Amino acid sequence: MTDFKRKDGVHLHVIKETKFKTVRMMVRFREEITPEHLGKRVLLSNLLETTNAIYPTGKAFSRRLSELFGASFTTGVAKKGKQHLLSLNMTVVNPALVDFDTLKAGVDFLRAVLFAPDVKDGAFNPFIFKREQTNLIHYLEAMNDDRAYYASRQLAQEFFKDPKQALPSVGTVELIERETPQAVFDYYQEMLKTNVIDIFVLGDVDEARVHKLFSDFDFAQNVENSSFKEDKAPTQVLEHTDLFYEQELTERSVLTEAKEATQSILQLGYHLPVQYGDANYMTLQVLNGLLGGFAHSKLFKNVREKESLAYSISSTFDSFTGFLKIAAGIDAVNFEAAREFIAAQLEALQEGDFSPADLEQTKTMLRNTYLVGQDSISNTIELEYVKALLPERYLPTEVFLSQLTAVSAEEVARLAQKLTLQVEYFMKGTVGMNEREESLAQ
């Protein structure tokens, strides 16, 4: 990877890779997550993906992408630790395959998206803004009706002591509702000036030419009609405390609520004393795989398959926030038994009660998943982004695989012993509960 740090602080990363038939470009804006900015960033993600001054209708926007041999353009938001990420992704076919300069055309399209937004009188087009705001509100309302999503939000709100950390990356209905076309456009100017900006280009490209194509992307000056005039400079150095979220152990909390649903949901949140790149990070990968990450895991085999106490069950972790979650879809009448059997699976790992075959199968699954990811252009860029953020913690392929192979059963058991249950959330489904209770009593 060739890195260019521009005078304006923007980081351009060019990754020459010949195995892909496409070229992927990503522009990513990063800042610490705040409720004041979150709704604006999510709305921006939708607005920038829809229209702009050059392509003022959805039809014109899509037609231009079609003209570029089926190019794709997407936007998205995500969280990584304490940081919120807003990304613009452009994918074009390799110019050599179509005898057309798709690379330059793709960069031109990105320039239009970024620096020629659909603006009227110093604010985003009110018609487009209202449409996208309404669509987002409907989407979030539908998400809240999804019981699993709702349960995860409740668990996060109870687990994280900093309310900002509990916010979902896509915002909330309340945050979206309060925004206006002018407020979001004014923030857009601020974001261009103050966010840390990374540009990634991956494909069979010439590094020097890519640098030249992006040389006129002036993030601080190229958008007009802004009422935001304050002179700020983005923070370029990402300190450890800027990215990783940490909190002290607290007393275990239990939250139960009834919902009109046929299925109940049990979610458990554990304090996880491991961060990405730590010496025992690969041990964490293996531990999660043995616990609930794969179909051969203890939770899946024993709680779901053997005891039939869960419709679905899995474990996931976030090494940037110190959070491990076990989520299970169950019948309300099986709550006590499911909770006990889930706890027993973790206790078994803490005692080293798992076979060498299960340990090796987990390593094989993790190894295969990692290697398959090497053939994904988007996954490759994400790995390079982590490398740019945390070069001292990044795990190159050979280190990742060697550390994975070296993980021992004793290390898995020791790490399992350090997991501490912090929150138990139970969403009790009430639909058809009497019938299920009667069937069990017969």
Protein backbone atom coordinates (compact mmCIF):
# COMPACT_ATOMS: atom_id res chain seq x y z
CA MET A 1 0.00 0.00 0.00
CA THR A 2 1.25 3.48 -0.93
CA ASP A 3 0.23 6.29 1.42
CA PHE A 4 0.01 9.95 0.49
CA LYS A 5 -0.56 12.43 3.32
CA ARG A 6 -1.78 15.64 1.74
CA LYS A 7 -1.20 19.15 3.03
CA ASP A 8 -4.84 19.38 4.12
CA GLY A 9 -4.37 16.32 6.33
CA VAL A 10 -6.37 13.97 4.12
CA HIS A 11 -4.82 10.51 3.86
CA LEU A 12 -4.85 8.84 0.43
CA HIS A 13 -4.10 5.11 0.47
CA VAL A 14 -3.51 3.36 -2.86
CA ILE A 15 -3.41 -0.43 -2.88
CA LYS A 16 -2.24 -1.93 -6.17
CA GLU A 17 -3.86 -5.33 -6.55
CA THR A 18 -4.19 -7.12 -9.89
CA LYS A 19 -6.43 -10.04 -8.88
CA PHE A 20 -9.68 -8.02 -8.96
CA LYS A 21 -11.54 -7.08 -12.14
CA THR A 22 -12.86 -3.91 -10.54
CA VAL A 23 -11.44 -0.85 -8.83
CA ARG A 24 -12.94 0.13 -5.47
CA MET A 25 -12.75 3.68 -4.12
CA MET A 26 -13.80 4.60 -0.61
CA VAL A 27 -13.94 8.01 1.04
CA ARG A 28 -14.44 7.71 4.81
CA PHE A 29 -15.16 10.45 7.34
CA ARG A 30 -14.45 9.73 11.00
CA GLU A 31 -15.24 11.49 14.26
CA GLU A 32 -16.22 10.55 17.80
CA ILE A 33 -19.85 9.60 18.03
CA THR A 34 -22.16 12.23 19.55
CA PRO A 35 -25.96 12.53 19.67
CA GLU A 36 -25.65 16.07 18.30
CA HIS A 37 -24.08 14.85 15.04
CA LEU A 38 -25.33 11.29 14.65
CA GLY A 39 -28.69 12.06 13.05
CA LYS A 40 -27.05 14.50 10.65
CA ARG A 41 -24.48 11.93 9.55
CA VAL A 42 -27.10 9.26 8.89
CA LEU A 43 -29.19 11.72 6.87
CA LEU A 44 -26.08 12.72 4.92
CA SER A 45 -25.48 9.09 4.08
CA ASN A 46 -28.90 8.95 2.42
CA LEU A 47 -28.78 12.39 0.80
CA LEU A 48 -25.40 11.90 -0.84
CA GLU A 49 -26.53 8.56 -2.29
CA THR A 50 -29.61 10.04 -3.94
CA THR A 51 -29.07 13.22 -5.98
CA ASN A 52 -26.71 16.17 -6.41
CA ALA A 53 -26.44 19.35 -8.45
CA ILE A 54 -24.89 17.49 -11.41
CA TYR A 55 -27.35 14.60 -11.33
CA PRO A 56 -30.45 16.24 -9.81
CA THR A 57 -32.82 13.29 -10.07
CA GLY A 58 -32.59 9.68 -9.04
CA LYS A 59 -33.01 8.70 -12.68
CA ALA A 60 -30.07 10.86 -13.81
CA PHE A 61 -27.97 9.57 -10.90
CA SER A 62 -28.62 5.94 -11.82
CA ARG A 63 -28.24 6.58 -15.56
CA ARG A 64 -24.71 7.92 -15.08
CA LEU A 65 -23.71 4.85 -13.09
CA SER A 66 -25.13 2.64 -15.83
CA GLU A 67 -23.15 4.57 -18.44
CA LEU A 68 -19.97 3.73 -16.52
CA PHE A 69 -20.37 0.05 -17.45
CA GLY A 70 -22.57 -0.74 -14.48
CA ALA A 71 -20.60 1.12 -11.82
CA SER A 72 -21.99 1.08 -8.29
CA PHE A 73 -22.14 3.79 -5.67
CA THR A 74 -23.20 3.23 -2.09
CA THR A 75 -22.94 5.00 1.22
CA GLY A 76 -23.05 3.65 4.75
CA VAL A 77 -22.49 4.35 8.41
CA ALA A 78 -20.84 2.23 11.06
CA LYS A 79 -19.27 2.38 14.50
CA LYS A 80 -15.77 1.33 15.45
CA GLY A 81 -15.20 1.73 19.16
CA LYS A 82 -15.88 5.35 20.11
CA GLN A 83 -15.73 6.51 16.50
CA HIS A 84 -18.52 6.95 13.95
CA LEU A 85 -17.73 6.26 10.30
CA LEU A 86 -19.50 7.67 7.26
CA SER A 87 -18.35 6.02 4.04
CA LEU A 88 -18.83 6.63 0.32
CA ASN A 89 -18.04 3.63 -1.89
CA MET A 90 -17.54 3.70 -5.65
CA THR A 91 -16.83 0.58 -7.71
CA VAL A 92 -15.93 0.65 -11.40
CA VAL A 93 -14.75 -2.01 -13.80
CA ASN A 94 -11.00 -2.14 -14.47
CA PRO A 95 -10.34 0.38 -17.29
CA ALA A 96 -8.16 -2.14 -19.12
CA LEU A 97 -11.16 -4.44 -19.62
CA VAL A 98 -13.45 -1.91 -21.34
CA ASP A 99 -11.08 0.46 -23.18
CA PHE A 100 -12.54 3.42 -21.29
CA ASP A 101 -11.12 5.50 -18.46
CA THR A 102 -13.54 4.29 -15.80
CA LEU A 103 -11.10 5.29 -13.06
CA LYS A 104 -11.20 8.98 -13.99
CA ALA A 105 -14.95 8.82 -14.57
CA GLY A 106 -15.43 7.25 -11.14
CA VAL A 107 -13.32 9.93 -9.47
CA ASP A 108 -15.33 12.60 -11.31
CA PHE A 109 -18.55 11.03 -10.01
CA LEU A 110 -17.21 11.09 -6.45
CA ARG A 111 -16.22 14.73 -6.93
CA ALA A 112 -19.79 15.58 -7.95
CA VAL A 113 -21.24 13.75 -4.95
CA LEU A 114 -18.92 15.45 -2.48
CA PHE A 115 -18.58 18.96 -3.80
CA ALA A 116 -21.79 19.60 -5.75
CA PRO A 117 -24.57 18.59 -3.34
CA ASP A 118 -28.21 19.33 -4.10
CA VAL A 119 -28.37 22.68 -2.29
CA LYS A 120 -30.78 25.61 -2.47
CA ASP A 121 -30.36 28.85 -0.51
CA GLY A 122 -27.70 27.45 1.81
CA ALA A 123 -29.61 24.27 2.68
CA PHE A 124 -30.19 20.83 1.22
CA ASN A 125 -33.04 20.61 -1.28
CA PRO A 126 -36.05 20.61 1.09
CA PHE A 127 -38.09 18.22 -1.06
CA ILE A 128 -35.31 15.62 -1.26
CA PHE A 129 -34.45 16.15 2.39
CA LYS A 130 -38.02 15.57 3.56
CA ARG A 131 -38.31 12.44 1.46
CA GLU A 132 -35.09 10.93 2.78
CA GLN A 133 -35.90 11.95 6.36
CA THR A 134 -39.31 10.28 6.10
CA ASN A 135 -37.78 7.14 4.57
CA LEU A 136 -35.23 6.94 7.38
CA ILE A 137 -37.87 7.39 10.07
CA HIS A 138 -39.98 4.60 8.55
CA TYR A 139 -36.90 2.37 8.32
CA LEU A 140 -35.97 2.94 11.96
CA GLU A 141 -39.55 2.40 13.10
CA ALA A 142 -39.55 -0.92 11.24
CA MET A 143 -36.21 -1.80 12.83
CA ASN A 144 -37.62 -1.10 16.28
CA ASP A 145 -40.48 -3.49 15.49
CA ASP A 146 -37.87 -6.19 14.89
CA ARG A 147 -37.71 -7.91 18.26
CA ALA A 148 -34.08 -9.02 17.96
CA TYR A 149 -32.93 -5.49 17.06
CA TYR A 150 -35.01 -4.04 19.88
CA ALA A 151 -33.53 -6.51 22.36
CA SER A 152 -29.99 -5.69 21.24
CA ARG A 153 -30.65 -1.98 21.74
CA GLN A 154 -32.03 -2.59 25.22
CA LEU A 155 -29.01 -4.70 26.12
CA ALA A 156 -26.61 -2.04 24.84
CA GLN A 157 -28.38 0.74 26.74
CA GLU A 158 -28.12 -1.27 29.92
CA PHE A 159 -24.54 -2.42 29.34
CA PHE A 160 -22.78 0.77 28.28
CA LYS A 161 -22.45 3.36 31.02
CA ASP A 162 -21.69 6.09 28.49
CA PRO A 163 -25.02 6.81 26.71
CA LYS A 164 -23.18 7.78 23.51
CA GLN A 165 -21.74 4.29 23.24
CA ALA A 166 -25.20 2.75 23.35
CA LEU A 167 -26.37 4.73 20.32
CA PRO A 168 -26.85 2.61 17.19
CA SER A 169 -24.76 3.59 14.17
CA VAL A 170 -27.93 4.30 12.17
CA GLY A 171 -29.28 6.75 14.75
CA THR A 172 -32.74 6.87 16.28
CA VAL A 173 -36.12 8.19 15.20
CA GLU A 174 -35.81 11.06 17.69
CA LEU A 175 -32.41 12.13 16.35
CA ILE A 176 -33.58 12.02 12.73
CA GLU A 177 -36.86 13.86 13.39
CA ARG A 178 -35.24 16.96 14.88
CA GLU A 179 -32.97 17.74 11.92
CA THR A 180 -33.52 20.41 9.24
CA PRO A 181 -32.12 20.91 5.71
CA GLN A 182 -30.01 23.88 6.81
CA ALA A 183 -28.70 22.29 10.01
CA VAL A 184 -27.56 19.19 8.11
CA PHE A 185 -25.93 21.21 5.33
CA ASP A 186 -24.15 23.44 7.84
CA TYR A 187 -22.87 20.35 9.61
CA TYR A 188 -21.74 18.95 6.26
CA GLN A 189 -19.39 21.90 5.87
CA GLU A 190 -18.09 21.34 9.36
CA MET A 191 -17.59 17.63 8.69
CA LEU A 192 -15.52 18.32 5.57
CA LYS A 193 -13.23 20.57 7.58
CA THR A 194 -12.96 18.76 10.90
CA ASN A 195 -13.37 15.03 10.31
CA VAL A 196 -10.39 12.79 9.75
CA ILE A 197 -10.69 11.77 6.11
CA ASP A 198 -9.23 8.66 4.49
CA ILE A 199 -9.44 7.85 0.78
CA PHE A 200 -8.76 4.28 -0.29
CA VAL A 201 -8.30 3.10 -3.87
CA LEU A 202 -7.79 -0.61 -4.48
CA GLY A 203 -7.28 -2.30 -7.82
CA ASP A 204 -4.98 -2.57 -10.81
CA VAL A 205 -4.09 1.14 -10.82
CA ASP A 206 -1.09 3.42 -11.12
CA GLU A 207 -0.39 5.00 -7.72
CA ALA A 208 0.95 8.29 -9.08
CA ARG A 209 -2.04 8.74 -11.38
CA VAL A 210 -4.50 8.08 -8.58
CA HIS A 211 -2.75 10.71 -6.49
CA LYS A 212 -3.07 13.21 -9.34
CA LEU A 213 -6.77 12.43 -9.92
CA PHE A 214 -7.60 13.19 -6.29
CA SER A 215 -5.29 16.20 -6.02
CA ASP A 216 -8.09 18.76 -6.45
CA PHE A 217 -10.38 17.25 -3.81
CA ASP A 218 -10.27 20.31 -1.55
CA PHE A 219 -12.49 19.30 1.34
CA ALA A 220 -12.25 22.64 3.11
CA GLN A 221 -13.00 24.92 0.15
CA ASN A 222 -14.93 23.23 -2.65
CA VAL A 223 -18.49 23.51 -1.31
CA GLU A 224 -20.10 26.92 -1.50
CA ASN A 225 -23.11 28.54 0.23
CA SER A 226 -22.07 27.44 3.70
CA SER A 227 -22.90 29.39 6.84
CA PHE A 228 -20.20 27.45 8.70
CA LYS A 229 -17.12 29.65 8.74
CA GLU A 230 -15.14 28.47 11.75
CA ASP A 231 -11.55 27.49 10.93
CA LYS A 232 -10.88 24.06 12.38
CA ALA A 233 -8.26 21.47 11.59
CA PRO A 234 -8.94 17.73 11.76
CA THR A 235 -7.17 15.66 14.36
CA GLN A 236 -4.78 13.41 12.49
CA VAL A 237 -3.31 11.20 15.21
CA LEU A 238 -5.66 8.56 16.56
CA GLU A 239 -4.73 7.87 20.14
CA HIS A 240 -5.59 4.57 21.80
CA THR A 241 -8.16 6.31 24.02
CA ASP A 242 -9.80 7.91 20.96
CA LEU A 243 -10.81 4.56 19.49
CA PHE A 244 -11.19 1.91 22.19
CA TYR A 245 -14.07 2.23 24.63
CA GLU A 246 -13.40 0.99 28.16
CA GLN A 247 -15.50 0.90 31.30
CA GLU A 248 -15.10 -0.52 34.79
CA LEU A 249 -16.89 -3.62 36.01
CA THR A 250 -20.24 -2.90 37.61
CA GLU A 251 -22.86 -4.82 39.55
CA ARG A 252 -24.80 -7.26 37.41
CA SER A 253 -28.14 -5.87 36.24
CA VAL A 254 -31.23 -7.80 35.20
CA LEU A 255 -33.88 -6.35 32.91
CA THR A 256 -37.12 -8.13 32.02
CA GLU A 257 -40.02 -6.82 29.98
CA ALA A 258 -43.06 -8.36 28.33
CA LYS A 259 -43.73 -7.92 24.63
CA GLU A 260 -46.55 -9.05 22.41
CA ALA A 261 -44.56 -11.68 20.51
CA THR A 262 -44.64 -15.44 20.08
CA GLN A 263 -40.92 -15.87 20.67
CA SER A 264 -38.96 -14.64 23.66
CA ILE A 265 -35.40 -13.35 23.54
CA LEU A 266 -32.66 -13.79 26.11
CA GLN A 267 -29.51 -11.71 25.69
CA LEU A 268 -26.48 -11.66 27.98
CA GLY A 269 -23.79 -8.99 27.95
CA TYR A 270 -20.29 -9.80 29.26
CA HIS A 271 -17.39 -7.53 30.07
CA LEU A 272 -14.55 -8.52 27.75
CA PRO A 273 -10.99 -7.61 28.83
CA VAL A 274 -9.48 -7.99 25.35
CA GLN A 275 -8.90 -5.38 22.66
CA TYR A 276 -8.07 -5.77 19.00
CA GLY A 277 -4.38 -6.53 18.60
CA ASP A 278 -3.81 -7.65 22.20
CA ALA A 279 -1.60 -10.67 22.79
CA ASN A 280 -4.67 -12.82 23.48
CA TYR A 281 -6.80 -11.44 20.63
CA MET A 282 -6.52 -14.70 18.66
CA THR A 283 -7.43 -16.62 21.78
CA LEU A 284 -10.61 -14.53 21.87
CA GLN A 285 -11.39 -15.51 18.29
CA VAL A 286 -11.08 -19.19 19.18
CA LEU A 287 -13.02 -18.79 22.42
CA ASN A 288 -15.95 -17.17 20.62
CA GLY A 289 -15.92 -19.84 17.94
CA LEU A 290 -16.08 -22.59 20.57
CA LEU A 291 -18.74 -20.78 22.58
CA GLY A 292 -21.27 -19.75 19.94
CA GLY A 293 -19.60 -18.60 16.74
CA PHE A 294 -20.08 -21.75 14.65
CA ALA A 295 -22.50 -24.63 14.20
CA HIS A 296 -20.18 -26.95 16.15
CA SER A 297 -20.05 -24.55 19.13
CA LYS A 298 -21.22 -25.49 22.61
CA LEU A 299 -24.19 -23.14 22.59
CA PHE A 300 -25.46 -24.39 19.24
CA LYS A 301 -24.84 -28.10 19.81
CA ASN A 302 -25.95 -28.35 23.42
CA VAL A 303 -28.52 -25.62 24.07
CA ARG A 304 -30.18 -25.66 20.67
CA GLU A 305 -29.61 -29.11 19.21
CA LYS A 306 -29.32 -31.41 22.22
CA GLU A 307 -31.67 -29.74 24.73
CA SER A 308 -33.95 -27.97 22.21
CA LEU A 309 -34.05 -24.90 24.45
CA ALA A 310 -33.49 -22.28 21.73
CA TYR A 311 -34.73 -21.60 18.23
CA SER A 312 -31.51 -19.72 17.55
CA ILE A 313 -28.41 -19.00 19.61
CA SER A 314 -25.01 -17.46 19.02
CA SER A 315 -22.23 -15.41 20.55
CA THR A 316 -20.53 -12.34 19.10
CA PHE A 317 -17.95 -9.88 20.38
CA ASP A 318 -16.65 -6.38 19.79
CA SER A 319 -13.00 -6.01 20.72
CA PHE A 320 -13.18 -2.22 20.28
CA THR A 321 -15.75 -1.83 23.08
CA GLY A 322 -14.98 -4.77 25.40
CA PHE A 323 -18.38 -6.38 24.82
CA LEU A 324 -19.33 -10.02 24.29
CA LYS A 325 -22.96 -10.94 23.69
CA ILE A 326 -24.89 -14.19 23.81
CA ALA A 327 -28.27 -13.98 22.08
CA ALA A 328 -30.94 -16.70 22.10
CA GLY A 329 -34.47 -16.96 20.74
CA ILE A 330 -36.44 -19.12 23.17
CA ASP A 331 -39.89 -19.97 24.50
CA ALA A 332 -40.71 -18.02 27.64
CA VAL A 333 -41.45 -21.24 29.53
CA ASN A 334 -37.85 -22.37 28.89
CA PHE A 335 -36.28 -19.22 30.31
CA GLU A 336 -34.81 -20.70 33.50
CA ALA A 337 -33.53 -23.86 31.82
CA ALA A 338 -32.04 -21.94 28.89
CA ARG A 339 -30.27 -19.51 31.21
CA GLU A 340 -28.79 -22.37 33.24
CA PHE A 341 -27.62 -24.34 30.20
CA ILE A 342 -26.08 -21.23 28.62
CA ALA A 343 -24.14 -20.56 31.81
CA ALA A 344 -23.04 -24.21 31.88
CA GLN A 345 -21.49 -23.91 28.40
CA LEU A 346 -19.33 -21.00 29.45
CA GLU A 347 -18.37 -22.82 32.64
CA ALA A 348 -17.29 -25.80 30.56
CA LEU A 349 -14.97 -23.59 28.54
CA GLN A 350 -13.60 -22.06 31.74
CA GLU A 351 -12.76 -25.55 32.96
CA GLY A 352 -11.18 -26.57 29.65
CA ASP A 353 -13.99 -29.03 28.95
CA PHE A 354 -13.78 -29.18 25.17
CA SER A 355 -12.14 -31.70 22.87
CA PRO A 356 -8.95 -31.24 20.85
CA ALA A 357 -11.07 -31.98 17.77
CA ASP A 358 -13.42 -29.07 18.55
CA LEU A 359 -10.43 -26.79 19.12
CA GLU A 360 -8.88 -27.73 15.77
CA GLN A 361 -12.21 -27.48 13.94
CA THR A 362 -12.66 -23.97 15.31
CA LYS A 363 -9.21 -22.96 14.15
CA THR A 364 -9.92 -24.42 10.72
CA MET A 365 -13.20 -22.50 10.44
CA LEU A 366 -11.53 -19.25 11.49
CA ARG A 367 -8.66 -19.84 9.08
CA ASN A 368 -11.01 -20.55 6.18
CA THR A 369 -13.17 -17.52 6.96
CA TYR A 370 -10.10 -15.29 7.03
CA LEU A 371 -8.70 -16.66 3.75
CA VAL A 372 -12.04 -16.34 1.98
CA GLY A 373 -12.09 -12.72 3.10
CA GLN A 374 -8.86 -12.15 1.19
CA ASP A 375 -10.87 -12.53 -2.03
CA SER A 376 -13.29 -9.76 -1.05
CA ILE A 377 -12.37 -6.30 -2.25
CA SER A 378 -14.44 -4.60 0.46
CA ASN A 379 -12.99 -6.80 3.21
CA THR A 380 -9.47 -6.05 1.98
CA ILE A 381 -10.09 -2.31 2.23
CA GLU A 382 -11.53 -2.69 5.74
CA LEU A 383 -8.41 -4.55 6.85
CA GLU A 384 -6.22 -1.85 5.34
CA TYR A 385 -8.30 0.77 7.16
CA VAL A 386 -7.63 -0.91 10.49
CA LYS A 387 -3.96 -1.05 9.56
CA ALA A 388 -4.00 2.70 8.90
CA LEU A 389 -5.76 3.37 12.21
CA LEU A 390 -3.69 1.05 14.36
CA PRO A 391 -0.47 0.12 12.56
CA GLU A 392 1.15 -1.15 15.77
CA ARG A 393 -1.77 -3.52 16.43
CA TYR A 394 -2.51 -4.69 12.91
CA LEU A 395 -2.10 -8.42 12.27
CA PRO A 396 -0.66 -9.24 8.83
CA THR A 397 -1.81 -12.50 7.27
CA GLU A 398 1.21 -14.55 8.33
CA VAL A 399 0.97 -13.27 11.92
CA PHE A 400 -2.79 -13.84 12.07
CA LEU A 401 -2.47 -17.44 10.89
CA SER A 402 0.56 -18.30 13.03
CA GLN A 403 -1.01 -16.85 16.19
CA LEU A 404 -4.24 -18.72 15.42
CA THR A 405 -2.38 -22.01 15.10
CA ALA A 406 -0.56 -21.39 18.38
CA VAL A 407 -3.67 -20.88 20.54
CA SER A 408 -3.82 -23.57 23.23
CA ALA A 409 -6.71 -25.06 25.18
CA GLU A 410 -5.24 -23.67 28.40
CA GLU A 411 -5.23 -20.13 26.96
CA VAL A 412 -8.88 -20.45 25.94
CA ALA A 413 -9.85 -21.61 29.43
CA ARG A 414 -7.93 -18.78 31.12
CA LEU A 415 -9.56 -16.16 28.93
CA ALA A 416 -13.03 -17.65 29.44
CA GLN A 417 -12.50 -17.24 33.18
CA LYS A 418 -12.07 -13.48 32.67
CA LEU A 419 -15.49 -12.96 31.10
CA THR A 420 -17.82 -11.26 33.56
CA LEU A 421 -21.59 -11.19 33.13
CA GLN A 422 -22.81 -7.60 33.44
CA VAL A 423 -26.32 -7.54 32.00
CA GLU A 424 -29.12 -10.06 31.57
CA TYR A 425 -31.96 -8.92 29.34
CA PHE A 426 -35.09 -11.03 28.87
CA MET A 427 -37.86 -10.04 26.48
CA LYS A 428 -40.79 -12.24 27.47
CA GLY A 429 -43.08 -13.03 24.56
CA THR A 430 -46.72 -13.17 25.69
CA VAL A 431 -48.52 -14.44 22.58
CA GLY A 432 -49.63 -18.06 22.98
CA MET A 433 -47.83 -18.40 26.30
CA ASN A 434 -50.74 -20.02 28.14
CA GLU A 435 -51.04 -22.74 25.48
CA ARG A 436 -47.33 -23.56 25.70
CA GLU A 437 -47.45 -23.69 29.49
CA GLU A 438 -50.41 -26.08 29.39
CA SER A 439 -48.70 -28.37 26.86
CA LEU A 440 -45.68 -28.65 29.13
CA ALA A 441 -47.87 -29.51 32.10
CA GLN A 442 -49.52 -32.46 30.34
